[in-house]
Amino acid sequence: MRTIVLLIASNLFMTIAWYGHLRHRDVALWKVILISWGIALLEYCLQVPANRWGYGQFTAFQLKILQEVITLLVFGVFAVVYLHEPVRWNYAVAFVCILAAVHFAFLPAPAKP
């Protein structure tokens, strides 16, 4: 649970760092880069422990797939709420496909004969 909470928090910072400036296109690019790197540092301070503590409970593949789904969930909310982007049907279908990938990634390994 601690890993998932840290992944969610790190993805909040990552999304803000990468996409938060899109509503502030009047700010100089060099300033946006510096601010984004500062925010991204906080993201790394959460992401690294999440992966360190989660590895063993999850495989590296599972951690990465879990992180990608959390990224898409956080970004989806951010895009709708902050950027006022519409959700289109093809985005929803793509997300369902990614959820299917998560399902397959977390299936138990087959028993060895």
C-alpha atoms as a PDB file:
ATOM      1  CA  MET A   1       0.000   0.000   0.000  1.00  0.00           C
ATOM      2  CA  ARG A   2       2.870   2.360   0.840  1.00  0.00           C
ATOM      3  CA  THR A   3       4.291   1.834  -2.663  1.00  0.00           C
ATOM      4  CA  ILE A   4       1.002   2.729  -4.340  1.00  0.00           C
ATOM      5  CA  VAL A   5       0.530   5.860  -2.220  1.00  0.00           C
ATOM      6  CA  LEU A   6       4.068   7.012  -3.040  1.00  0.00           C
ATOM      7  CA  LEU A   7       3.522   6.286  -6.739  1.00  0.00           C
ATOM      8  CA  ILE A   8       0.338   8.356  -6.738  1.00  0.00           C
ATOM      9  CA  ALA A   9       2.059  11.250  -4.959  1.00  0.00           C
ATOM     10  CA  SER A  10       5.096  11.119  -7.243  1.00  0.00           C
ATOM     11  CA  ASN A  11       2.852  11.112 -10.299  1.00  0.00           C
ATOM     12  CA  LEU A  12       1.013  14.188  -9.043  1.00  0.00           C
ATOM     13  CA  PHE A  13       4.330  16.050  -8.956  1.00  0.00           C
ATOM     14  CA  MET A  14       5.417  14.594 -12.298  1.00  0.00           C
ATOM     15  CA  THR A  15       2.194  15.635 -14.018  1.00  0.00           C
ATOM     16  CA  ILE A  16       2.410  19.144 -12.623  1.00  0.00           C
ATOM     17  CA  ALA A  17       6.080  19.404 -13.655  1.00  0.00           C
ATOM     18  CA  TRP A  18       5.494  18.145 -17.193  1.00  0.00           C
ATOM     19  CA  TYR A  19       2.097  19.629 -18.007  1.00  0.00           C
ATOM     20  CA  GLY A  20       1.259  22.347 -15.479  1.00  0.00           C
ATOM     21  CA  HIS A  21       3.003  25.012 -17.524  1.00  0.00           C
ATOM     22  CA  LEU A  22       0.721  24.491 -20.514  1.00  0.00           C
ATOM     23  CA  ARG A  23      -1.764  26.982 -19.071  1.00  0.00           C
ATOM     24  CA  HIS A  24       1.040  29.512 -18.588  1.00  0.00           C
ATOM     25  CA  ARG A  25       2.433  29.850 -22.088  1.00  0.00           C
ATOM     26  CA  ASP A  26       3.338  33.496 -21.446  1.00  0.00           C
ATOM     27  CA  VAL A  27       6.127  32.479 -19.018  1.00  0.00           C
ATOM     28  CA  ALA A  28       9.597  32.253 -20.573  1.00  0.00           C
ATOM     29  CA  LEU A  29      10.600  28.711 -21.502  1.00  0.00           C
ATOM     30  CA  TRP A  30      13.828  28.815 -19.462  1.00  0.00           C
ATOM     31  CA  LYS A  31      11.810  29.707 -16.350  1.00  0.00           C
ATOM     32  CA  VAL A  32       9.357  26.879 -17.013  1.00  0.00           C
ATOM     33  CA  ILE A  33      12.246  24.438 -17.402  1.00  0.00           C
ATOM     34  CA  LEU A  34      13.794  25.473 -14.084  1.00  0.00           C
ATOM     35  CA  ILE A  35      10.480  25.342 -12.239  1.00  0.00           C
ATOM     36  CA  SER A  36       9.639  21.975 -13.801  1.00  0.00           C
ATOM     37  CA  TRP A  37      13.000  20.525 -12.771  1.00  0.00           C
ATOM     38  CA  GLY A  38      12.428  21.718  -9.213  1.00  0.00           C
ATOM     39  CA  ILE A  39       9.034  20.045  -9.112  1.00  0.00           C
ATOM     40  CA  ALA A  40      10.447  16.911 -10.757  1.00  0.00           C
ATOM     41  CA  LEU A  41      13.018  16.637  -7.966  1.00  0.00           C
ATOM     42  CA  LEU A  42      10.142  16.131  -5.528  1.00  0.00           C
ATOM     43  CA  GLU A  43       8.723  13.493  -7.867  1.00  0.00           C
ATOM     44  CA  TYR A  44      12.016  11.576  -7.835  1.00  0.00           C
ATOM     45  CA  CYS A  45      12.206  11.812  -4.045  1.00  0.00           C
ATOM     46  CA  LEU A  46       8.936   9.841  -3.922  1.00  0.00           C
ATOM     47  CA  GLN A  47       9.371   7.600  -6.978  1.00  0.00           C
ATOM     48  CA  VAL A  48      12.712   6.113  -5.936  1.00  0.00           C
ATOM     49  CA  PRO A  49      11.551   4.944  -2.479  1.00  0.00           C
ATOM     50  CA  ALA A  50       8.301   3.664  -3.981  1.00  0.00           C
ATOM     51  CA  ASN A  51      10.255   1.428  -6.328  1.00  0.00           C
ATOM     52  CA  ARG A  52      12.826   0.450  -3.716  1.00  0.00           C
ATOM     53  CA  TRP A  53      10.218  -0.565  -1.155  1.00  0.00           C
ATOM     54  CA  GLY A  54       7.854  -2.061  -3.714  1.00  0.00           C
ATOM     55  CA  TYR A  55      10.439  -4.302  -5.346  1.00  0.00           C
ATOM     56  CA  GLY A  56      10.050  -7.739  -3.855  1.00  0.00           C
ATOM     57  CA  GLN A  57       6.363  -7.257  -3.197  1.00  0.00           C
ATOM     58  CA  PHE A  58       6.067  -6.599  -6.945  1.00  0.00           C
ATOM     59  CA  THR A  59       8.365  -7.564  -9.796  1.00  0.00           C
ATOM     60  CA  ALA A  60      10.091  -4.790 -11.731  1.00  0.00           C
ATOM     61  CA  PHE A  61       7.672  -5.374 -14.608  1.00  0.00           C
ATOM     62  CA  GLN A  62       4.682  -5.104 -12.287  1.00  0.00           C
ATOM     63  CA  LEU A  63       6.047  -1.919 -10.699  1.00  0.00           C
ATOM     64  CA  LYS A  64       6.487  -0.288 -14.096  1.00  0.00           C
ATOM     65  CA  ILE A  65       3.055  -1.300 -15.352  1.00  0.00           C
ATOM     66  CA  LEU A  66       1.450  -0.155 -12.094  1.00  0.00           C
ATOM     67  CA  GLN A  67       3.291   3.161 -12.359  1.00  0.00           C
ATOM     68  CA  GLU A  68       2.069   3.684 -15.926  1.00  0.00           C
ATOM     69  CA  VAL A  69      -1.561   3.091 -14.966  1.00  0.00           C
ATOM     70  CA  ILE A  70      -1.274   5.473 -12.036  1.00  0.00           C
ATOM     71  CA  THR A  71       0.336   8.008 -14.373  1.00  0.00           C
ATOM     72  CA  LEU A  72      -2.583   7.764 -16.780  1.00  0.00           C
ATOM     73  CA  LEU A  73      -5.169   8.040 -14.013  1.00  0.00           C
ATOM     74  CA  VAL A  74      -3.488  11.081 -12.496  1.00  0.00           C
ATOM     75  CA  PHE A  75      -2.963  12.664 -15.903  1.00  0.00           C
ATOM     76  CA  GLY A  76      -6.552  11.966 -16.958  1.00  0.00           C
ATOM     77  CA  VAL A  77      -7.932  13.798 -13.939  1.00  0.00           C
ATOM     78  CA  PHE A  78      -5.405  16.613 -14.408  1.00  0.00           C
ATOM     79  CA  ALA A  79      -6.195  17.023 -18.113  1.00  0.00           C
ATOM     80  CA  VAL A  80      -9.936  17.220 -17.487  1.00  0.00           C
ATOM     81  CA  VAL A  81      -9.882  19.343 -14.326  1.00  0.00           C
ATOM     82  CA  TYR A  82      -6.883  21.644 -14.876  1.00  0.00           C
ATOM     83  CA  LEU A  83      -6.428  21.770 -18.665  1.00  0.00           C
ATOM     84  CA  HIS A  84     -10.162  21.446 -19.428  1.00  0.00           C
ATOM     85  CA  GLU A  85      -9.517  18.763 -22.061  1.00  0.00           C
ATOM     86  CA  PRO A  86     -12.438  16.614 -23.179  1.00  0.00           C
ATOM     87  CA  VAL A  87     -12.369  12.846 -22.753  1.00  0.00           C
ATOM     88  CA  ARG A  88     -12.875  11.237 -26.142  1.00  0.00           C
ATOM     89  CA  TRP A  89     -14.111   7.705 -26.724  1.00  0.00           C
ATOM     90  CA  ASN A  90     -10.784   6.556 -28.187  1.00  0.00           C
ATOM     91  CA  TYR A  91      -8.945   7.695 -25.031  1.00  0.00           C
ATOM     92  CA  ALA A  92     -11.327   5.592 -22.951  1.00  0.00           C
ATOM     93  CA  VAL A  93     -10.787   2.549 -25.184  1.00  0.00           C
ATOM     94  CA  ALA A  94      -7.013   2.993 -24.989  1.00  0.00           C
ATOM     95  CA  PHE A  95      -7.217   3.155 -21.202  1.00  0.00           C
ATOM     96  CA  VAL A  96      -9.266  -0.046 -21.069  1.00  0.00           C
ATOM     97  CA  CYS A  97      -6.553  -1.749 -23.145  1.00  0.00           C
ATOM     98  CA  ILE A  98      -3.927  -0.593 -20.646  1.00  0.00           C
ATOM     99  CA  LEU A  99      -6.035  -1.931 -17.777  1.00  0.00           C
ATOM    100  CA  ALA A 100      -6.158  -5.254 -19.607  1.00  0.00           C
ATOM    101  CA  ALA A 101      -2.351  -5.191 -19.699  1.00  0.00           C
ATOM    102  CA  VAL A 102      -2.298  -4.690 -15.932  1.00  0.00           C
ATOM    103  CA  HIS A 103      -4.605  -7.651 -15.484  1.00  0.00           C
ATOM    104  CA  PHE A 104      -2.279  -9.883 -17.478  1.00  0.00           C
ATOM    105  CA  ALA A 105       0.840  -8.568 -15.730  1.00  0.00           C
ATOM    106  CA  PHE A 106      -0.536  -9.479 -12.307  1.00  0.00           C
ATOM    107  CA  LEU A 107      -1.707 -13.008 -13.161  1.00  0.00           C
ATOM    108  CA  PRO A 108       0.138 -15.606 -11.103  1.00  0.00           C
ATOM    109  CA  ALA A 109       2.977 -17.431 -12.792  1.00  0.00           C
ATOM    110  CA  PRO A 110       2.048 -20.863 -14.100  1.00  0.00           C
ATOM    111  CA  ALA A 111       3.015 -23.809 -11.894  1.00  0.00           C
ATOM    112  CA  LYS A 112       6.190 -25.575 -12.932  1.00  0.00           C
ATOM    113  CA  PRO A 113       5.701 -29.211 -13.943  1.00  0.00           C
END
